[in-house]
Amino acid sequence: MNRFLTSLFLIGFLLPAIAAEKKNVVFLICDDLNCDLGSYGHPLVKTPNIDRLAERGTRFDRAYCQYALCGPSRASFLTGLYPDQTLIHKNAIYIREHIPNVTTVSQMYRNNGFFATRIGKLYHYNVPKHIGTSGHDDPYSWNYTINPRGRDVEEESKIFTLKPGTFGATLSWLAAEGTDEEQTDGMIADAAVAELQRYHREDRPFFLAVGLFRPHTPYVAPKKYFDMYPLDQIVVPEVPEGYDKTIPEPALKSIRRKKEQINLADDLAKQAIQAYYATISFADAQVGKVLETLETTGLAKDTVVVFTSDHGYHMGEHGHWQKTTLFENATRVPLIISSPDQRDKGGVVTSPVEMVDIYPTLAELSGLEAPDFLSGVSLAASMDNSSVKPRESALSQYMQGYSIRTERFRYTEWGEKGAEGVELYGCQDDPEELKNLAHSGGEDFVGVISELSEKLHQRIAEANEAPKGIRQNRFQNERRVR
């Protein structure tokens, strides 16, 4: 065989192997979901499908969002940039208003010949107002989009709410009649199943993003999911007497934002928690449909699966409900990544990681070249060996505050270099973060505070570096966060 024919033979032999390395992606994301999951050790919440994914993938036990609010967080992890780089610190902003030439994670897949589909919520939506529309979606990120609108939207008048006329921004819930398939998330799951079956028939490489709206308020799910959580099994978190006096004023404001949700009566609190758990189990059932279809079509052997949320959530902890704080409850997210090629299946990574790490991780797992501007680090090595520590700390911010989470501590500064107060929590002895050691720890923690403050300032500086090749549009009427 001459050299020319030999070359053709080798090219023909190697191309299928190269193509096989470029894994598809199913990106599953819930809205406002904390770590109240079976695989994360919750004693009550039932999530068998998410748990099954964790058994075959890697569970990142200490994953943190970069901003505990939907819009800024989603813009951050879908671009692989920190909020101070995207310049998005509030909801209802299209990402290209501030970073017009960014390549989003799904856009990277589009550029490499994958068919990118969004079903439901990936970028910010007002819920329930924008269900059935594209919300503040980024059209450059997708080849195809699907926007289901279910019975949950049509039956708003039946929903109980603490604040009349308000559903998405306050505690509200409904144990609905009817089936899963009539709800928006049920329709999203069914659409995802149909798309996967089509990809299988057409042998098409894909990036499929499945954005569920639950457990975001209003907590709506079929009644059978409410029945899974009897009220007498629900425990309402308690707050120590005098707690308000131990934290800085901005931190106190963050947990007292919604006046109608302060000091909830015990019966209402239990109903709210029951409804939140119900919608988690409902969302888990929809995740199960997608995972089952991956298996039955055989696509699982060539597909990376990500499961996460946009940020964490309080359900009465610190006397607060919902999001927008710098405590563990609002910043910590579930993150499970499963790759058919990973060596450490069922591994648990206990060191801190960040949501900006998802983008570079997917690029590596799919065999794609990641853009130069990304701020995250790949977590792929931890999926082969869960003892590998990708980071020493995770950075989160909210309003004028920044917080750093290490394996042992959470340290938070409000205002310029802590001018409006600081917080320090020992995460092993005080996992609920109710004992502010900066307030009561005395001289024993002066050195720890000094060391963590220096690390925090370094992390903030890095998170403010201009991303390589990305144009940033700053508007005069928008305040710099710090």
Protein backbone atom coordinates (compact mmCIF):
# COMPACT_ATOMS: atom_id res chain seq x y z
CA MET A 1 0.00 0.00 0.00
CA ASN A 2 1.57 3.34 -1.03
CA ARG A 3 1.95 6.27 1.34
CA PHE A 4 -1.11 8.11 -0.06
CA LEU A 5 -3.42 5.12 0.37
CA THR A 6 -1.96 4.45 3.80
CA SER A 7 -2.80 8.04 4.81
CA LEU A 8 -6.37 7.69 3.54
CA PHE A 9 -6.74 4.43 5.44
CA LEU A 10 -5.50 5.99 8.67
CA ILE A 11 -7.76 9.01 8.28
CA GLY A 12 -10.75 6.77 7.67
CA PHE A 13 -9.83 4.64 10.67
CA LEU A 14 -9.22 7.52 13.06
CA LEU A 15 -12.14 9.79 12.18
CA PRO A 16 -14.82 7.63 13.85
CA ALA A 17 -12.69 7.48 17.01
CA ILE A 18 -12.21 11.24 17.00
CA ALA A 19 -15.94 11.82 16.47
CA ALA A 20 -16.78 9.42 19.28
CA GLU A 21 -14.76 11.54 21.69
CA LYS A 22 -17.01 14.55 21.08
CA LYS A 23 -19.71 13.73 23.59
CA ASN A 24 -23.28 15.03 23.44
CA VAL A 25 -24.68 16.94 26.41
CA VAL A 26 -27.97 16.90 28.29
CA PHE A 27 -28.03 19.91 30.60
CA LEU A 28 -30.76 19.54 33.24
CA ILE A 29 -31.44 22.52 35.48
CA CYS A 30 -34.07 23.19 38.11
CA ASP A 31 -35.10 26.65 39.23
CA ASP A 32 -34.53 27.72 42.86
CA LEU A 33 -33.48 24.24 43.99
CA ASN A 34 -31.27 23.87 47.07
CA CYS A 35 -29.57 20.67 48.20
CA ASP A 36 -32.68 19.12 49.77
CA LEU A 37 -32.15 15.89 47.83
CA GLY A 38 -31.80 12.27 48.81
CA SER A 39 -28.28 11.99 47.39
CA TYR A 40 -27.23 15.04 49.40
CA GLY A 41 -28.37 13.40 52.60
CA HIS A 42 -31.79 14.93 53.17
CA PRO A 43 -33.74 12.60 55.47
CA LEU A 44 -37.17 13.27 53.99
CA VAL A 45 -37.08 14.43 50.38
CA LYS A 46 -37.48 11.66 47.79
CA THR A 47 -35.48 12.11 44.58
CA PRO A 48 -34.73 8.61 43.23
CA ASN A 49 -33.91 9.70 39.69
CA ILE A 50 -31.45 12.44 40.63
CA ASP A 51 -29.93 10.02 43.14
CA ARG A 52 -29.50 7.43 40.39
CA LEU A 53 -27.63 9.97 38.29
CA ALA A 54 -25.30 10.64 41.23
CA GLU A 55 -24.59 6.92 41.54
CA ARG A 56 -23.25 6.74 38.00
CA GLY A 57 -21.65 10.19 37.91
CA THR A 58 -19.89 12.58 40.28
CA ARG A 59 -21.66 14.52 43.00
CA PHE A 60 -20.00 17.81 43.85
CA ASP A 61 -20.95 18.23 47.49
CA ARG A 62 -19.75 21.84 47.81
CA ALA A 63 -20.72 23.60 44.59
CA TYR A 64 -21.53 27.30 44.78
CA CYS A 65 -23.25 29.83 42.56
CA GLN A 66 -21.59 33.17 41.92
CA TYR A 67 -24.72 35.25 42.58
CA ALA A 68 -27.78 34.09 44.53
CA LEU A 69 -30.31 35.52 42.09
CA CYS A 70 -31.63 33.88 38.92
CA GLY A 71 -30.58 36.27 36.14
CA PRO A 72 -27.02 37.08 37.25
CA SER A 73 -26.31 33.44 38.15
CA ARG A 74 -27.56 32.04 34.86
CA ALA A 75 -25.68 34.65 32.84
CA SER A 76 -22.56 33.74 34.81
CA PHE A 77 -22.44 29.95 34.44
CA LEU A 78 -23.76 29.92 30.86
CA THR A 79 -20.89 32.21 29.81
CA GLY A 80 -18.24 30.91 32.23
CA LEU A 81 -17.69 34.43 33.59
CA TYR A 82 -18.14 36.06 36.99
CA PRO A 83 -20.97 38.58 37.46
CA ASP A 84 -18.44 41.42 37.64
CA GLN A 85 -17.27 40.31 34.19
CA THR A 86 -20.72 39.88 32.64
CA LEU A 87 -21.73 43.14 34.38
CA ILE A 88 -25.09 41.53 35.17
CA HIS A 89 -26.12 41.98 38.80
CA LYS A 90 -29.89 41.95 38.48
CA ASN A 91 -32.68 40.15 36.62
CA ALA A 92 -34.35 41.01 33.31
CA ILE A 93 -31.15 41.72 31.37
CA TYR A 94 -30.21 40.15 28.05
CA ILE A 95 -26.60 39.01 28.26
CA ARG A 96 -25.57 40.72 25.02
CA GLU A 97 -26.54 44.11 26.36
CA HIS A 98 -23.31 43.94 28.34
CA ILE A 99 -21.13 41.31 26.60
CA PRO A 100 -22.28 41.32 22.98
CA ASN A 101 -19.58 39.08 21.50
CA VAL A 102 -19.48 36.36 24.16
CA THR A 103 -19.67 32.71 23.12
CA THR A 104 -22.06 30.91 25.46
CA VAL A 105 -21.59 27.25 26.37
CA SER A 106 -24.30 26.01 24.00
CA GLN A 107 -23.06 28.36 21.31
CA MET A 108 -19.65 26.69 21.58
CA TYR A 109 -21.38 23.40 20.77
CA ARG A 110 -23.26 25.00 17.85
CA ASN A 111 -19.96 26.26 16.47
CA ASN A 112 -18.67 22.70 16.56
CA GLY A 113 -21.52 21.14 14.62
CA PHE A 114 -23.82 20.13 17.49
CA PHE A 115 -27.57 20.86 17.35
CA ALA A 116 -28.36 23.06 20.36
CA THR A 117 -31.91 22.98 21.72
CA ARG A 118 -33.45 24.77 24.68
CA ILE A 119 -36.67 23.55 26.26
CA GLY A 120 -38.02 25.72 29.09
CA LYS A 121 -35.95 28.07 31.24
CA LEU A 122 -32.20 28.50 30.81
CA TYR A 123 -31.67 32.25 30.87
CA HIS A 124 -33.81 34.45 33.10
CA TYR A 125 -37.60 34.29 32.99
CA ASN A 126 -40.12 36.02 35.21
CA VAL A 127 -42.06 33.14 36.78
CA PRO A 128 -44.90 32.51 36.17
CA LYS A 129 -45.38 35.58 33.95
CA HIS A 130 -43.00 34.50 31.17
CA ILE A 131 -43.79 30.78 31.09
CA GLY A 132 -44.65 29.93 27.49
CA THR A 133 -42.41 32.70 26.09
CA SER A 134 -38.67 33.01 25.47
CA GLY A 135 -38.23 35.29 28.49
CA HIS A 136 -34.78 36.90 28.46
CA ASP A 137 -33.32 34.10 26.42
CA ASP A 138 -30.24 34.44 24.21
CA PRO A 139 -31.24 33.47 20.64
CA TYR A 140 -27.62 33.10 19.53
CA SER A 141 -27.24 30.16 21.91
CA TRP A 142 -29.67 27.80 20.16
CA ASN A 143 -30.65 26.18 16.89
CA TYR A 144 -34.13 25.44 18.21
CA THR A 145 -36.25 26.46 21.20
CA ILE A 146 -39.44 25.08 22.74
CA ASN A 147 -41.57 27.05 25.22
CA PRO A 148 -44.31 24.90 26.79
CA ARG A 149 -47.12 26.47 28.81
CA GLY A 150 -49.09 24.18 31.08
CA ARG A 151 -52.07 23.96 33.37
CA ASP A 152 -50.08 25.53 36.24
CA VAL A 153 -50.13 28.87 34.39
CA GLU A 154 -53.80 28.65 33.46
CA GLU A 155 -54.87 27.92 37.04
CA GLU A 156 -53.18 30.86 38.77
CA SER A 157 -56.49 31.87 40.36
CA LYS A 158 -56.44 28.65 42.41
CA ILE A 159 -52.98 29.27 43.91
CA PHE A 160 -52.66 30.26 47.57
CA THR A 161 -50.24 33.18 48.08
CA LEU A 162 -49.10 35.19 51.09
CA LYS A 163 -49.30 38.36 49.01
CA PRO A 164 -52.45 38.66 46.86
CA GLY A 165 -51.68 38.94 43.16
CA THR A 166 -48.05 37.87 43.61
CA PHE A 167 -46.86 34.35 42.86
CA GLY A 168 -43.26 34.24 41.67
CA ALA A 169 -41.77 36.58 44.27
CA THR A 170 -43.47 35.29 47.41
CA LEU A 171 -44.43 32.02 49.03
CA SER A 172 -47.34 30.52 47.08
CA TRP A 173 -48.46 26.98 46.33
CA LEU A 174 -51.10 24.67 44.90
CA ALA A 175 -51.69 20.92 45.17
CA ALA A 176 -53.00 20.60 41.63
CA GLU A 177 -55.51 18.28 40.09
CA GLY A 178 -54.59 16.35 36.97
CA THR A 179 -51.45 14.65 35.71
CA ASP A 180 -47.75 15.44 35.43
CA GLU A 181 -48.10 15.78 31.67
CA GLU A 182 -50.54 18.71 32.03
CA GLN A 183 -48.03 20.77 34.01
CA THR A 184 -45.43 22.93 32.25
CA ASP A 185 -42.52 20.85 33.56
CA GLY A 186 -44.26 17.65 32.49
CA MET A 187 -44.62 19.11 29.00
CA ILE A 188 -40.94 20.12 29.06
CA ALA A 189 -39.91 16.57 29.95
CA ASP A 190 -42.11 15.08 27.21
CA ALA A 191 -40.64 17.50 24.66
CA ALA A 192 -37.13 16.49 25.77
CA VAL A 193 -38.02 12.82 25.32
CA ALA A 194 -39.26 13.51 21.78
CA GLU A 195 -36.10 15.47 20.92
CA LEU A 196 -33.83 12.69 22.18
CA GLN A 197 -35.72 10.13 20.15
CA ARG A 198 -35.31 12.33 17.09
CA TYR A 199 -31.57 12.78 17.68
CA HIS A 200 -31.29 9.01 17.92
CA ARG A 201 -33.15 8.43 14.64
CA GLU A 202 -31.15 11.09 12.82
CA ASP A 203 -27.81 10.19 14.44
CA ARG A 204 -27.34 13.89 15.23
CA PRO A 205 -24.81 15.29 17.76
CA PHE A 206 -26.61 17.51 20.26
CA PHE A 207 -26.56 19.87 23.21
CA LEU A 208 -30.00 19.58 24.83
CA ALA A 209 -30.81 22.04 27.62
CA VAL A 210 -33.85 21.11 29.73
CA GLY A 211 -34.87 23.96 32.02
CA LEU A 212 -37.50 23.03 34.59
CA PHE A 213 -39.46 25.80 36.33
CA ARG A 214 -39.87 23.97 39.63
CA PRO A 215 -39.40 24.24 42.51
CA HIS A 216 -39.59 28.03 41.88
CA THR A 217 -42.68 29.66 43.38
CA PRO A 218 -45.51 29.16 42.97
CA TYR A 219 -44.90 25.62 44.24
CA VAL A 220 -47.34 23.82 41.94
CA ALA A 221 -47.37 20.06 41.47
CA PRO A 222 -49.99 17.31 41.25
CA LYS A 223 -51.52 16.51 44.62
CA LYS A 224 -49.89 13.06 44.81
CA TYR A 225 -46.52 14.71 45.42
CA PHE A 226 -47.90 16.73 48.35
CA ASP A 227 -49.22 13.49 49.83
CA MET A 228 -45.64 12.19 50.01
CA TYR A 229 -44.88 14.71 52.79
CA PRO A 230 -47.35 14.67 55.72
CA LEU A 231 -47.30 17.93 57.66
CA ASP A 232 -46.51 16.15 60.92
CA GLN A 233 -43.15 15.12 59.43
CA ILE A 234 -42.16 18.68 58.48
CA VAL A 235 -39.67 20.48 60.73
CA VAL A 236 -39.49 24.29 60.68
CA PRO A 237 -35.95 25.65 61.27
CA GLU A 238 -35.41 27.62 64.48
CA VAL A 239 -33.37 30.78 64.93
CA PRO A 240 -31.52 31.47 68.22
CA GLU A 241 -32.75 34.37 70.33
CA GLY A 242 -30.72 37.51 69.74
CA TYR A 243 -29.39 36.24 66.41
CA ASP A 244 -30.23 39.50 64.59
CA LYS A 245 -27.68 41.40 66.68
CA THR A 246 -24.78 39.15 65.67
CA ILE A 247 -24.67 39.89 61.92
CA PRO A 248 -23.90 43.08 59.93
CA GLU A 249 -26.75 45.34 58.86
CA PRO A 250 -26.54 44.39 55.15
CA ALA A 251 -26.73 40.70 56.05
CA LEU A 252 -29.74 41.39 58.25
CA LYS A 253 -31.43 43.29 55.41
CA SER A 254 -30.85 40.34 53.08
CA ILE A 255 -32.89 38.04 55.35
CA ARG A 256 -35.58 40.63 56.11
CA ARG A 257 -36.34 41.71 52.53
CA LYS A 258 -39.84 40.28 52.37
CA LYS A 259 -41.92 41.60 55.25
CA GLU A 260 -44.84 39.23 54.70
CA GLN A 261 -42.50 36.24 55.14
CA ILE A 262 -41.01 37.21 58.51
CA ASN A 263 -42.07 35.16 61.55
CA LEU A 264 -44.43 32.91 59.62
CA ALA A 265 -47.01 31.06 61.66
CA ASP A 266 -45.91 27.46 62.18
CA ASP A 267 -48.80 25.96 60.20
CA LEU A 268 -48.11 28.19 57.17
CA ALA A 269 -44.39 27.47 57.38
CA LYS A 270 -45.03 23.72 57.33
CA GLN A 271 -47.36 24.04 54.35
CA ALA A 272 -44.75 26.05 52.44
CA ILE A 273 -42.04 23.47 53.16
CA GLN A 274 -44.37 20.62 52.20
CA ALA A 275 -45.13 22.35 48.90
CA TYR A 276 -41.43 22.95 48.20
CA TYR A 277 -40.61 19.29 48.82
CA ALA A 278 -43.54 18.24 46.64
CA THR A 279 -42.29 20.28 43.69
CA ILE A 280 -38.79 18.85 44.13
CA SER A 281 -40.13 15.31 43.85
CA PHE A 282 -42.28 16.36 40.89
CA ALA A 283 -39.20 17.81 39.16
CA ASP A 284 -37.27 14.63 39.95
CA ALA A 285 -39.92 12.57 38.17
CA GLN A 286 -39.46 14.71 35.04
CA VAL A 287 -35.70 14.27 35.24
CA GLY A 288 -36.34 10.53 35.38
CA LYS A 289 -38.18 10.58 32.04
CA VAL A 290 -35.20 12.22 30.34
CA LEU A 291 -32.65 9.87 31.90
CA GLU A 292 -34.72 6.81 30.99
CA THR A 293 -34.91 7.92 27.37
CA LEU A 294 -31.15 8.33 27.22
CA GLU A 295 -30.86 4.70 28.30
CA THR A 296 -33.55 3.21 26.05
CA THR A 297 -32.24 4.98 22.94
CA GLY A 298 -28.64 4.03 23.67
CA LEU A 299 -27.63 7.71 23.68
CA ALA A 300 -26.35 7.44 27.25
CA LYS A 301 -23.11 5.83 26.07
CA ASP A 302 -22.16 9.01 24.16
CA THR A 303 -23.74 11.69 26.35
CA VAL A 304 -22.54 13.81 29.28
CA VAL A 305 -25.33 14.70 31.72
CA VAL A 306 -25.30 17.72 34.01
CA PHE A 307 -27.84 18.31 36.76
CA THR A 308 -27.84 21.54 38.74
CA SER A 309 -29.80 24.61 39.88
CA ASP A 310 -29.24 28.33 39.42
CA HIS A 311 -28.67 28.98 43.15
CA GLY A 312 -29.65 27.67 46.56
CA TYR A 313 -32.71 28.51 48.64
CA HIS A 314 -33.80 29.20 52.22
CA MET A 315 -36.80 27.42 53.63
CA GLY A 316 -36.92 29.16 57.01
CA GLU A 317 -33.20 28.96 57.84
CA HIS A 318 -31.98 32.23 59.40
CA GLY A 319 -35.67 33.16 59.55
CA HIS A 320 -35.58 33.70 55.78
CA TRP A 321 -37.47 32.23 52.83
CA GLN A 322 -36.24 32.02 49.25
CA LYS A 323 -32.88 33.39 47.97
CA THR A 324 -30.65 36.52 47.80
CA THR A 325 -28.32 36.00 50.77
CA LEU A 326 -24.66 35.08 51.18
CA PHE A 327 -25.35 32.18 53.50
CA GLU A 328 -24.76 28.54 52.60
CA ASN A 329 -28.48 28.02 52.02
CA ALA A 330 -28.65 30.46 49.09
CA THR A 331 -25.18 30.02 47.59
CA ARG A 332 -24.77 26.23 47.63
CA VAL A 333 -26.24 24.32 44.69
CA PRO A 334 -26.62 20.68 43.74
CA LEU A 335 -24.19 19.75 40.97
CA ILE A 336 -23.99 16.26 39.49
CA ILE A 337 -22.06 15.52 36.30
CA SER A 338 -22.03 12.12 34.65
CA SER A 339 -19.79 11.14 31.75
CA PRO A 340 -19.77 7.68 30.16
CA ASP A 341 -15.95 7.73 30.15
CA GLN A 342 -15.32 8.74 33.77
CA ARG A 343 -13.36 6.29 35.91
CA ASP A 344 -14.69 7.19 39.37
CA LYS A 345 -18.42 6.49 39.11
CA GLY A 346 -20.42 7.47 42.16
CA GLY A 347 -17.60 9.65 43.45
CA VAL A 348 -18.19 12.60 45.79
CA VAL A 349 -16.01 15.72 45.58
CA THR A 350 -16.03 17.53 48.93
CA SER A 351 -13.77 20.48 48.11
CA PRO A 352 -15.39 23.76 46.94
CA VAL A 353 -16.17 24.26 43.25
CA GLU A 354 -18.01 26.99 41.36
CA MET A 355 -20.73 27.11 38.74
CA VAL A 356 -18.38 28.93 36.35
CA ASP A 357 -16.48 25.63 36.27
CA ILE A 358 -19.30 23.87 34.39
CA TYR A 359 -18.46 25.42 30.99
CA PRO A 360 -14.77 24.39 30.84
CA THR A 361 -15.66 20.97 32.28
CA LEU A 362 -18.15 20.29 29.49
CA ALA A 363 -15.68 21.44 26.86
CA GLU A 364 -13.07 18.97 28.12
CA LEU A 365 -15.52 16.08 28.52
CA SER A 366 -16.85 16.62 25.00
CA GLY A 367 -13.41 16.92 23.43
CA LEU A 368 -13.89 20.57 22.42
CA GLU A 369 -11.50 23.50 22.69
CA ALA A 370 -12.74 25.91 25.35
CA PRO A 371 -12.66 29.67 24.63
CA ASP A 372 -9.74 31.64 26.08
CA PHE A 373 -11.97 34.03 28.05
CA LEU A 374 -13.37 31.48 30.52
CA SER A 375 -12.83 32.16 34.23
CA GLY A 376 -13.70 28.68 35.49
CA VAL A 377 -11.54 25.58 35.81
CA SER A 378 -12.32 22.10 34.48
CA LEU A 379 -13.61 19.56 37.00
CA ALA A 380 -12.96 16.60 34.70
CA ALA A 381 -9.95 15.33 36.69
CA SER A 382 -12.13 15.11 39.82
CA MET A 383 -14.52 12.86 37.94
CA ASP A 384 -11.75 10.33 37.46
CA ASN A 385 -10.46 10.76 41.00
CA SER A 386 -12.79 12.41 43.52
CA SER A 387 -9.88 13.25 45.84
CA VAL A 388 -8.56 15.78 43.29
CA LYS A 389 -9.26 19.33 44.50
CA PRO A 390 -9.87 21.73 41.59
CA ARG A 391 -10.07 24.78 43.87
CA GLU A 392 -9.24 25.99 47.37
CA SER A 393 -12.25 28.27 47.63
CA ALA A 394 -15.53 29.33 46.02
CA LEU A 395 -16.57 32.96 45.52
CA SER A 396 -20.12 34.31 45.70
CA GLN A 397 -21.51 37.83 45.79
CA TYR A 398 -24.77 39.65 46.41
CA MET A 399 -25.36 43.41 46.32
CA GLN A 400 -22.40 45.06 48.11
CA GLY A 401 -21.22 41.82 49.69
CA TYR A 402 -18.69 39.15 48.72
CA SER A 403 -18.24 35.78 50.36
CA ILE A 404 -15.56 33.11 50.13
CA ARG A 405 -16.15 29.47 51.07
CA THR A 406 -13.19 27.26 51.93
CA GLU A 407 -13.33 23.71 53.25
CA ARG A 408 -13.31 24.98 56.85
CA PHE A 409 -14.79 28.48 56.82
CA ARG A 410 -17.15 30.94 55.21
CA TYR A 411 -15.90 34.52 55.31
CA THR A 412 -18.05 37.44 54.12
CA GLU A 413 -17.36 41.16 53.75
CA TRP A 414 -20.00 43.81 53.21
CA GLY A 415 -18.98 47.09 51.59
CA GLU A 416 -15.50 48.14 50.53
CA LYS A 417 -13.07 45.81 52.32
CA GLY A 418 -15.65 45.03 54.99
CA ALA A 419 -16.52 48.63 55.86
CA GLU A 420 -20.16 47.63 56.48
CA GLY A 421 -19.36 44.51 58.49
CA VAL A 422 -17.83 41.04 58.27
CA GLU A 423 -18.93 37.49 59.04
CA LEU A 424 -16.94 34.35 59.79
CA TYR A 425 -18.43 30.88 60.24
CA GLY A 426 -16.72 27.64 61.15
CA CYS A 427 -18.48 25.28 58.76
CA GLN A 428 -17.60 22.04 60.54
CA ASP A 429 -18.75 23.10 64.02
CA ASP A 430 -21.52 25.39 62.83
CA PRO A 431 -22.91 24.11 59.49
CA GLU A 432 -26.06 26.22 59.92
CA GLU A 433 -23.90 29.40 60.02
CA LEU A 434 -25.61 30.85 63.06
CA LYS A 435 -22.53 31.75 65.13
CA ASN A 436 -20.69 34.69 63.64
CA LEU A 437 -17.15 34.25 64.93
CA ALA A 438 -16.25 37.75 63.75
CA HIS A 439 -18.79 38.96 66.31
CA SER A 440 -18.18 36.57 69.19
CA GLY A 441 -14.97 34.66 68.44
CA GLY A 442 -12.62 37.13 70.10
CA GLU A 443 -8.86 37.13 69.55
CA ASP A 444 -8.83 33.44 68.60
CA PHE A 445 -9.95 34.21 65.05
CA VAL A 446 -8.13 37.46 64.27
CA GLY A 447 -5.50 35.59 62.27
CA VAL A 448 -8.10 33.55 60.39
CA ILE A 449 -10.02 36.70 59.45
CA SER A 450 -6.86 38.42 58.25
CA GLU A 451 -5.85 35.44 56.10
CA LEU A 452 -9.32 34.94 54.60
CA SER A 453 -9.72 38.67 53.97
CA GLU A 454 -6.54 38.66 51.91
CA LYS A 455 -7.74 35.62 49.95
CA LEU A 456 -11.14 37.20 49.40
CA HIS A 457 -9.62 40.43 48.02
CA GLN A 458 -7.46 38.39 45.68
CA ARG A 459 -10.49 36.45 44.45
CA ILE A 460 -12.47 39.67 43.94
CA ALA A 461 -9.64 41.17 41.91
CA GLU A 462 -9.48 38.07 39.71
CA ALA A 463 -13.26 38.10 39.24
CA ASN A 464 -13.02 41.69 37.99
CA GLU A 465 -10.36 41.05 35.35
CA ALA A 466 -11.56 41.93 31.86
CA PRO A 467 -12.25 38.66 30.00
CA LYS A 468 -9.92 38.11 27.07
CA GLY A 469 -11.44 39.24 23.78
CA ILE A 470 -14.86 40.06 25.28
CA ARG A 471 -16.30 43.53 24.79
CA GLN A 472 -17.92 44.90 27.95
CA ASN A 473 -20.63 47.53 27.64
CA ARG A 474 -20.97 49.61 30.80
CA PHE A 475 -23.94 51.92 31.14
CA GLN A 476 -23.70 55.18 33.07
CA ASN A 477 -26.92 54.64 35.01
CA GLU A 478 -25.73 51.29 36.40
CA ARG A 479 -23.91 51.31 39.71
CA ARG A 480 -20.69 49.38 40.11
CA VAL A 481 -21.22 46.73 42.78
CA ARG A 482 -17.87 47.38 44.45
